[in-house]
Protein backbone atom coordinates (compact mmCIF):
# COMPACT_ATOMS: atom_id res chain seq x y z
CA MET A 1 0.00 0.00 0.00
CA LYS A 2 2.94 2.37 0.52
CA ARG A 3 5.86 3.28 -1.71
CA PHE A 4 9.22 4.60 -0.55
CA SER A 5 10.93 7.55 -2.18
CA ILE A 6 14.68 8.03 -2.38
CA GLU A 7 14.66 10.16 0.78
CA GLY A 8 12.91 7.39 2.74
CA VAL A 9 9.64 9.29 2.99
CA ILE A 10 6.58 7.25 2.17
CA GLU A 11 4.47 8.42 -0.69
CA VAL A 12 0.93 7.69 0.38
CA ASP A 13 -0.78 5.81 -2.44
CA GLN A 14 -4.35 6.53 -3.46
CA ASP A 15 -5.83 3.48 -1.68
CA THR A 16 -4.29 4.51 1.64
CA LYS A 17 -5.32 8.14 1.13
CA ASP A 18 -8.87 7.01 0.37
CA ILE A 19 -8.96 5.02 3.62
CA ILE A 20 -7.60 7.97 5.60
CA PHE A 21 -9.97 10.49 4.00
CA GLY A 22 -12.86 8.07 4.57
CA ALA A 23 -11.98 7.93 8.26
CA LEU A 24 -11.68 11.72 8.39
CA GLU A 25 -15.26 11.99 7.11
CA GLN A 26 -16.26 10.83 10.59
CA VAL A 27 -14.91 14.08 12.09
CA ILE A 28 -17.82 16.50 12.24
CA ASP A 29 -17.30 20.24 12.61
CA PRO A 30 -19.42 20.82 15.75
CA GLU A 31 -20.51 24.29 14.68
CA LEU A 32 -21.61 23.40 11.15
CA GLY A 33 -22.61 19.74 11.55
CA ILE A 34 -20.72 18.69 8.39
CA ASP A 35 -17.58 16.57 8.24
CA ILE A 36 -14.18 18.22 7.75
CA VAL A 37 -13.54 16.49 4.41
CA ASN A 38 -16.75 17.71 2.74
CA LEU A 39 -16.17 21.15 4.22
CA GLY A 40 -12.85 21.20 2.35
CA LEU A 41 -10.82 21.67 5.51
CA VAL A 42 -8.39 18.78 4.86
CA TYR A 43 -5.74 19.83 2.36
CA ASP A 44 -3.37 16.85 2.33
CA VAL A 45 -2.13 13.73 4.11
CA ASP A 46 1.54 12.69 4.29
CA MET A 47 3.20 9.75 6.02
CA ASP A 48 6.80 8.96 6.92
CA GLU A 49 8.37 5.49 6.93
CA GLU A 50 7.64 5.11 10.66
CA GLY A 51 3.90 5.58 10.15
CA LEU A 52 3.78 9.17 11.39
CA THR A 53 0.81 10.60 9.50
CA ILE A 54 0.62 14.34 9.01
CA VAL A 55 -2.81 15.77 8.26
CA THR A 56 -2.53 19.26 6.81
CA MET A 57 -5.77 21.10 7.29
CA THR A 58 -7.31 24.43 8.08
CA LEU A 59 -10.31 25.65 10.02
CA THR A 60 -13.21 27.83 8.93
CA SER A 61 -11.86 30.68 11.07
CA MET A 62 -8.69 31.53 12.96
CA GLY A 63 -10.51 31.93 16.24
CA CYS A 64 -12.29 28.58 16.06
CA PRO A 65 -13.00 27.74 19.71
CA LEU A 66 -13.31 24.02 18.92
CA ALA A 67 -9.95 23.60 17.17
CA GLY A 68 -8.62 21.33 19.94
CA THR A 69 -11.70 19.12 19.77
CA ILE A 70 -11.38 18.72 16.00
CA VAL A 71 -7.66 17.88 16.26
CA ASP A 72 -8.40 15.28 18.95
CA GLN A 73 -11.13 13.71 16.79
CA VAL A 74 -8.79 13.53 13.78
CA LYS A 75 -6.24 11.63 15.87
CA LEU A 76 -8.93 9.34 17.28
CA VAL A 77 -10.45 8.29 13.93
CA LEU A 78 -7.02 7.48 12.44
CA GLU A 79 -5.98 5.21 15.35
CA ASP A 80 -7.62 2.12 13.82
CA ILE A 81 -5.81 2.35 10.47
CA PRO A 82 -2.90 -0.13 10.62
CA GLU A 83 -0.49 2.04 8.58
CA VAL A 84 -1.03 5.02 10.90
CA LYS A 85 1.22 4.69 13.93
CA GLU A 86 0.99 8.32 15.09
CA THR A 87 -0.90 11.37 13.87
CA ASP A 88 0.21 14.98 13.76
CA VAL A 89 -2.34 17.60 12.73
CA LYS A 90 -0.83 20.63 11.05
CA ILE A 91 -3.21 23.60 11.03
CA VAL A 92 -2.41 26.05 8.22
CA TRP A 93 -3.98 29.33 7.19
CA SER A 94 -2.63 29.47 3.65
CA PRO A 95 -4.37 28.95 1.40
CA PRO A 96 -7.26 30.37 3.36
CA TRP A 97 -10.47 28.36 3.53
CA THR A 98 -13.38 29.61 1.47
CA LYS A 99 -16.84 28.22 0.78
CA ASP A 100 -15.58 27.25 -2.69
CA LYS A 101 -13.58 24.41 -1.08
CA MET A 102 -16.79 22.74 0.14
CA SER A 103 -18.17 19.70 -1.66
CA ARG A 104 -21.53 19.88 -3.40
CA TYR A 105 -22.94 17.75 -0.57
CA ALA A 106 -21.80 20.27 2.09
CA LYS A 107 -23.16 23.20 0.12
CA ILE A 108 -26.56 21.54 -0.27
CA ALA A 109 -26.65 20.56 3.42
CA LEU A 110 -25.89 24.12 4.47
CA GLY A 111 -28.13 25.75 1.84
CA ILE A 112 -25.26 27.48 0.03
CA LYS A 113 -25.44 28.05 -3.72
């Protein structure tokens, strides 16, 4: 499921990414009631050869009071994936999140055109 690059960093293949993103769909933004994947908050997933998985994501706003809860939930849902030995959540603000990053499903659920 994983391939090694010359530097020893694992390139996460599409099957593994699909499994990880599927698990991340279980993490619901408590304020909006939609999962973080469909909201477009998860930008990328990387993994090193030791199984350290880095989830690069953003939040809908810098002052999100539930950031810690979301980070904890991300770590919790990835615990059961055998390839994931440890999870680090990297919160970034660039590129900034916009409603355009939301899936069609999230837009319909929130009544956004």
